Every structure is written in C-alpha cells, then in structure tokens.
Amino acid sequence: MSALLSVSDAHIAYGKVEAVRGVSLEVADNEIVTIVGANGAGKTTLLNAVMGVLPLKGRIALAGEDLVRLEIEERVALGLSLVAEHRELFASMNVEDNLELGGFRGTRAQAASAFERVYALFPRLKERRKQLAGTLSGGEQQMLAMGRALMGAPKLLMLDEPSLGLAPIIVADIFRTIGELRSAGVSVLLVEQNAQAALKIADRAYVMELGEFILEGRASEVAANERVAASYLGFQHEGASGI
C-alpha cells in the first residue's frame, strides 16, 4: 500500500520543552491507524502539528505533497481534516448550518452530495438538522463534528478522542461509523484513550510514551503485546509477547 500520509523524524516543542521526539508514521489509502498511549504522551500534540496548529521540525507529506510550510487552510484543501477533542462546534447555530460550514469550499452540487453522504452515515443528524448544536447530546455533537469534517470530502480524517465522555452504546455507534469510513474510501488517523476499541477497529497501531513511539505494527499484534495489554487494555494476555 502506498502512503497517503507520511510523517518522518517529527520533533514538536512547546518553547524549550520537546513534547514529541523523532517520531515517524504512515497512513495508507483506505487504512485506519490508531495511536494509543496515556494522557500527556504527545498524541494530541502530534495531530495538531500534522494539521498545522503547531510548528513541526521534520517532514510531513500528504499524497506526496509536502505540508511543512503550508497553512491550515492549504492542508484542508489538499484533503486533510481534524476533529479536535473538544469538537469546536458553533453552539448557537443549527446542525445544518454547522455542516454547511464544513463544505464551504465546494460547489452547491458538491455540498448537496456531501449532505447526502453525511446524513446517510448519521441519520440522527438529519432528524435534528434544524436543532441548535449546543442542545445536542454529547454523542450527537460528536457525530456533528465528524459530519462537518466529512463535508469537505477529506482524504484523511484525523480524530482526537472521539469516544471521550460518551456512553458505551454511543461509543459503539461512533466506532462502527469509523469503520464505514474506510469502506467509503476515507483513511483515518485515530487518537483514542479507549485502546481496546481503537485496536479492534484499526489496521495498524502505534504506541506512544513520553513523546516517542515505543511499538508499532498490525493492530492485532500490538493488542497481543504483554506490556500493551497490561498498561492500556487492563488485562494480561495469556502467552502475550513482550516489547
């Protein structure tokens, strides 16, 4: 598989404090890749730097296009999108208007097609299209944040903690939808505290500790690792391998 996103030797700092050190990762076409790790490991920092929110030393390319010197808007135009941990919706606007903002770059016909795709993925948003975003439940707000990002037809959707604060039944819906995105031709880079759910749905995984990747591989292999199982999955695998 060819790399859609390629990050090489990335270093990210807050002032003099280096939060991410020398990490490299790839996401292929039609692939779900997850980054798991504890709070403060550097996962969100890495996503923000790929999006252009934070400066990064190293190399980033999307579909062969160098991103390092590009502004956020230029990265979006190339097909990169981020759903941030706090969703960042416009609470006083209705669902439909929030979605429309996500597709503002396209033509009217493209926007109409995008609405159809998003409503097919999230039927509940169609039911609530005239409801104010601020009055939605947490799960519905997460659906809206994802839907708004998908309105721009991204090649790669980055998700930061999509299950945060949601009930288990809603988490299952969100992860089922993430799996459907791969079938629809959207690659996903997923940062998620719920390592068990993330590793179940992902093709490949990276484990991050203190700003560095300590393990990478097929998601099933990473989940079977003894240290990962004990630290992030809450149990010990019988016969699991060590790092």
Protein backbone atom coordinates (compact mmCIF):
# COMPACT_ATOMS: atom_id res chain seq x y z
CA MET A 1 0.00 0.00 0.00
CA SER A 2 1.28 3.47 -0.85
CA ALA A 3 1.48 6.05 1.94
CA LEU A 4 -1.24 8.67 1.95
CA LEU A 5 0.21 10.43 4.99
CA SER A 6 3.89 10.22 5.76
CA VAL A 7 5.50 11.79 8.85
CA SER A 8 9.26 11.44 9.21
CA ASP A 9 11.51 12.31 12.17
CA ALA A 10 9.00 14.73 13.69
CA HIS A 11 10.06 16.93 16.61
CA ILE A 12 7.50 19.20 18.28
CA ALA A 13 8.25 21.57 21.15
CA TYR A 14 6.41 23.96 23.45
CA GLY A 15 9.07 26.60 23.91
CA LYS A 16 12.17 24.75 25.12
CA VAL A 17 10.23 21.64 26.14
CA GLU A 18 10.26 18.96 23.43
CA ALA A 19 6.92 17.14 23.62
CA VAL A 20 7.43 14.82 20.63
CA ARG A 21 10.83 13.44 19.66
CA GLY A 22 11.78 11.86 16.36
CA VAL A 23 8.54 10.04 15.54
CA SER A 24 7.71 8.67 12.12
CA LEU A 25 4.41 7.20 10.95
CA GLU A 26 2.48 6.34 7.82
CA VAL A 27 -1.19 6.00 6.94
CA ALA A 28 -2.06 4.25 3.68
CA ASP A 29 -5.10 4.69 1.44
CA ASN A 30 -8.22 3.07 2.92
CA GLU A 31 -6.48 2.38 6.21
CA ILE A 32 -7.34 3.07 9.86
CA VAL A 33 -4.28 3.73 12.00
CA THR A 34 -4.51 4.37 15.73
CA ILE A 35 -2.11 5.96 18.20
CA VAL A 36 -2.64 4.74 21.76
CA GLY A 37 -0.99 5.90 24.95
CA ALA A 38 -1.53 7.59 28.27
CA ASN A 39 -2.59 11.21 28.76
CA GLY A 40 0.36 13.52 28.15
CA ALA A 41 2.15 11.08 25.86
CA GLY A 42 2.12 13.56 22.94
CA LYS A 43 -0.69 12.10 20.84
CA THR A 44 -2.81 15.26 20.53
CA THR A 45 0.33 17.34 20.05
CA LEU A 46 1.27 15.21 17.05
CA LEU A 47 -2.17 15.51 15.43
CA ASN A 48 -2.16 19.29 15.92
CA ALA A 49 1.26 19.56 14.31
CA VAL A 50 0.19 17.46 11.31
CA MET A 51 -2.81 19.79 10.93
CA GLY A 52 -0.57 22.85 11.12
CA VAL A 53 -1.80 24.13 14.51
CA LEU A 54 1.70 23.66 15.97
CA PRO A 55 5.10 24.00 14.26
CA LEU A 56 6.97 20.80 13.50
CA LYS A 57 10.58 20.04 12.65
CA GLY A 58 10.77 17.10 10.30
CA ARG A 59 8.85 16.06 7.21
CA ILE A 60 5.10 15.68 6.56
CA ALA A 61 3.59 14.75 3.21
CA LEU A 62 0.02 14.06 2.13
CA ALA A 63 -0.34 12.14 -1.13
CA GLY A 64 3.23 13.17 -1.93
CA GLU A 65 2.63 16.90 -1.25
CA ASP A 66 4.99 18.49 1.29
CA LEU A 67 2.89 20.05 4.09
CA VAL A 68 5.54 21.53 6.38
CA ARG A 69 5.30 25.12 5.14
CA LEU A 70 1.59 25.09 4.34
CA GLU A 71 -1.08 26.89 6.38
CA ILE A 72 -4.03 25.00 7.87
CA GLU A 73 -6.38 26.13 5.08
CA GLU A 74 -3.98 24.82 2.44
CA ARG A 75 -3.74 21.46 4.20
CA VAL A 76 -7.55 21.25 4.31
CA ALA A 77 -7.68 22.00 0.58
CA LEU A 78 -5.30 19.08 -0.05
CA GLY A 79 -7.62 16.69 1.80
CA LEU A 80 -6.59 16.76 5.48
CA SER A 81 -9.14 17.25 8.27
CA LEU A 82 -9.04 17.13 12.08
CA VAL A 83 -11.90 16.58 14.52
CA ALA A 84 -10.49 18.05 17.72
CA GLU A 85 -11.04 16.55 21.17
CA HIS A 86 -13.45 19.33 22.21
CA ARG A 87 -15.37 19.22 18.88
CA GLU A 88 -15.40 23.05 18.50
CA LEU A 89 -18.93 23.35 17.15
CA PHE A 90 -20.88 26.58 16.75
CA ALA A 91 -23.35 26.02 19.59
CA SER A 92 -25.75 28.82 18.59
CA MET A 93 -26.07 27.54 15.00
CA ASN A 94 -28.22 24.61 13.94
CA VAL A 95 -26.94 21.26 12.74
CA GLU A 96 -27.42 22.05 9.06
CA ASP A 97 -25.55 25.35 9.29
CA ASN A 98 -22.63 23.71 11.12
CA LEU A 99 -22.42 21.10 8.39
CA GLU A 100 -22.63 23.70 5.66
CA LEU A 101 -19.56 25.44 7.07
CA GLY A 102 -17.61 22.21 6.61
CA GLY A 103 -18.37 22.17 2.89
CA PHE A 104 -17.93 25.85 2.14
CA ARG A 105 -15.15 25.23 -0.39
CA GLY A 106 -17.30 23.13 -2.71
CA THR A 107 -19.95 23.95 -5.30
CA ARG A 108 -23.66 23.80 -4.49
CA ALA A 109 -23.89 20.39 -6.17
CA GLN A 110 -20.92 19.10 -4.19
CA ALA A 111 -22.46 20.40 -0.96
CA ALA A 112 -25.76 18.65 -1.74
CA SER A 113 -23.92 15.38 -2.36
CA ALA A 114 -21.90 15.84 0.84
CA PHE A 115 -25.10 16.40 2.87
CA GLU A 116 -26.48 13.13 1.49
CA ARG A 117 -23.33 11.21 2.46
CA VAL A 118 -23.22 12.68 5.97
CA TYR A 119 -26.93 12.10 6.61
CA ALA A 120 -26.57 8.51 5.38
CA LEU A 121 -23.75 7.96 7.89
CA PHE A 122 -25.53 9.83 10.68
CA PRO A 123 -29.33 9.60 10.22
CA ARG A 124 -29.83 11.25 13.62
CA LEU A 125 -28.27 14.46 12.30
CA LYS A 126 -30.86 14.58 9.53
CA GLU A 127 -33.62 14.25 12.13
CA ARG A 128 -32.10 17.12 14.11
CA ARG A 129 -30.90 19.28 11.21
CA LYS A 130 -32.78 22.38 12.47
CA GLN A 131 -31.80 21.86 16.12
CA LEU A 132 -29.14 24.11 17.71
CA ALA A 133 -25.80 22.32 18.05
CA GLY A 134 -25.49 23.39 21.67
CA THR A 135 -28.65 21.48 22.61
CA LEU A 136 -27.50 18.14 21.19
CA SER A 137 -26.35 15.26 23.38
CA GLY A 138 -22.62 14.52 23.63
CA GLY A 139 -22.90 11.68 21.15
CA GLU A 140 -24.85 13.78 18.67
CA GLN A 141 -22.27 16.57 18.97
CA GLN A 142 -19.51 14.09 18.17
CA MET A 143 -21.47 12.91 15.12
CA LEU A 144 -21.89 16.53 14.05
CA ALA A 145 -18.18 17.28 14.47
CA MET A 146 -17.31 14.26 12.34
CA GLY A 147 -20.00 15.09 9.81
CA ARG A 148 -18.77 18.66 9.45
CA ALA A 149 -15.23 17.41 8.78
CA LEU A 150 -16.54 14.95 6.18
CA MET A 151 -18.43 17.70 4.31
CA GLY A 152 -15.10 18.74 2.82
CA ALA A 153 -14.52 15.23 1.37
CA PRO A 154 -11.15 14.68 3.11
CA LYS A 155 -8.68 12.03 2.01
CA LEU A 156 -7.53 11.64 5.62
CA LEU A 157 -9.69 12.26 8.68
CA MET A 158 -7.84 12.67 11.99
CA LEU A 159 -9.92 12.01 15.10
CA ASP A 160 -8.80 13.07 18.57
CA GLU A 161 -10.54 11.13 21.37
CA PRO A 162 -13.92 10.64 19.62
CA SER A 163 -15.28 8.49 22.48
CA LEU A 164 -14.44 10.96 25.25
CA GLY A 165 -17.30 11.31 27.74
CA LEU A 166 -19.75 9.19 25.74
CA ALA A 167 -21.92 6.29 26.91
CA PRO A 168 -20.76 2.82 25.76
CA ILE A 169 -23.70 2.35 23.37
CA ILE A 170 -22.85 5.67 21.65
CA VAL A 171 -19.16 4.75 21.54
CA ALA A 172 -20.11 1.56 19.68
CA ASP A 173 -22.05 3.64 17.12
CA ILE A 174 -19.14 6.05 16.63
CA PHE A 175 -16.62 3.25 16.09
CA ARG A 176 -18.96 1.44 13.71
CA THR A 177 -19.15 4.63 11.66
CA ILE A 178 -15.36 4.97 11.66
CA GLY A 179 -15.19 1.50 10.13
CA GLU A 180 -17.69 2.54 7.46
CA LEU A 181 -15.47 5.49 6.53
CA ARG A 182 -12.72 3.14 5.44
CA SER A 183 -15.20 1.35 3.17
CA ALA A 184 -16.15 4.76 1.73
CA GLY A 185 -12.53 5.50 0.82
CA VAL A 186 -11.60 7.78 3.74
CA SER A 187 -8.42 6.95 5.64
CA VAL A 188 -8.45 7.59 9.39
CA LEU A 189 -5.74 8.50 11.91
CA LEU A 190 -7.27 7.88 15.33
CA VAL A 191 -6.05 9.02 18.74
CA GLU A 192 -8.07 7.27 21.41
CA GLN A 193 -7.83 6.57 25.16
CA ASN A 194 -10.14 3.58 24.73
CA ALA A 195 -7.31 1.43 23.44
CA GLN A 196 -9.37 -1.76 23.33
CA ALA A 197 -11.97 -0.24 20.97
CA ALA A 198 -9.32 1.51 18.88
CA LEU A 199 -7.18 -1.60 18.40
CA LYS A 200 -10.27 -3.63 17.43
CA ILE A 201 -11.14 -1.34 14.55
CA ALA A 202 -7.66 -0.29 13.36
CA ASP A 203 -5.48 -1.94 10.73
CA ARG A 204 -2.22 -0.78 12.33
CA ALA A 205 -1.25 0.86 15.60
CA TYR A 206 1.48 2.93 17.24
CA VAL A 207 2.03 3.01 21.00
CA MET A 208 3.27 6.37 22.30
CA GLU A 209 5.00 7.04 25.60
CA LEU A 210 6.67 10.30 26.66
CA GLY A 211 6.71 11.73 23.15
CA GLU A 212 8.13 8.67 21.40
CA PHE A 213 6.75 5.59 19.69
CA ILE A 214 7.77 2.50 21.63
CA LEU A 215 5.92 -0.03 19.49
CA GLU A 216 4.21 -0.23 16.12
CA GLY A 217 2.66 -2.94 13.98
CA ARG A 218 -0.55 -4.64 12.99
CA ALA A 219 -3.26 -3.68 15.47
CA SER A 220 -3.91 -7.32 16.39
CA GLU A 221 -0.21 -7.85 17.14
CA VAL A 222 0.02 -4.68 19.22
CA ALA A 223 -3.08 -5.71 21.19
CA ALA A 224 -1.46 -9.08 21.93
CA ASN A 225 1.69 -7.46 23.33
CA GLU A 226 2.06 -8.17 27.04
CA ARG A 227 3.03 -4.64 28.02
CA VAL A 228 0.25 -3.06 25.95
CA ALA A 229 -2.32 -5.46 27.39
CA ALA A 230 -1.25 -4.71 30.96
CA SER A 231 -0.86 -0.94 30.55
CA TYR A 232 -3.68 0.02 28.18
CA LEU A 233 -6.15 -2.84 27.92
CA GLY A 234 -6.50 -3.57 31.62
CA PHE A 235 -5.64 -7.25 31.48
CA GLN A 236 -2.81 -9.68 30.84
CA HIS A 237 -2.94 -11.82 27.71
CA GLU A 238 -2.10 -15.48 28.23
CA GLY A 239 1.00 -16.14 26.18
CA ALA A 240 1.33 -12.48 25.17
CA SER A 241 4.66 -11.30 23.87
CA GLY A 242 6.80 -8.56 25.40
CA ILE A 243 8.08 -5.44 23.66
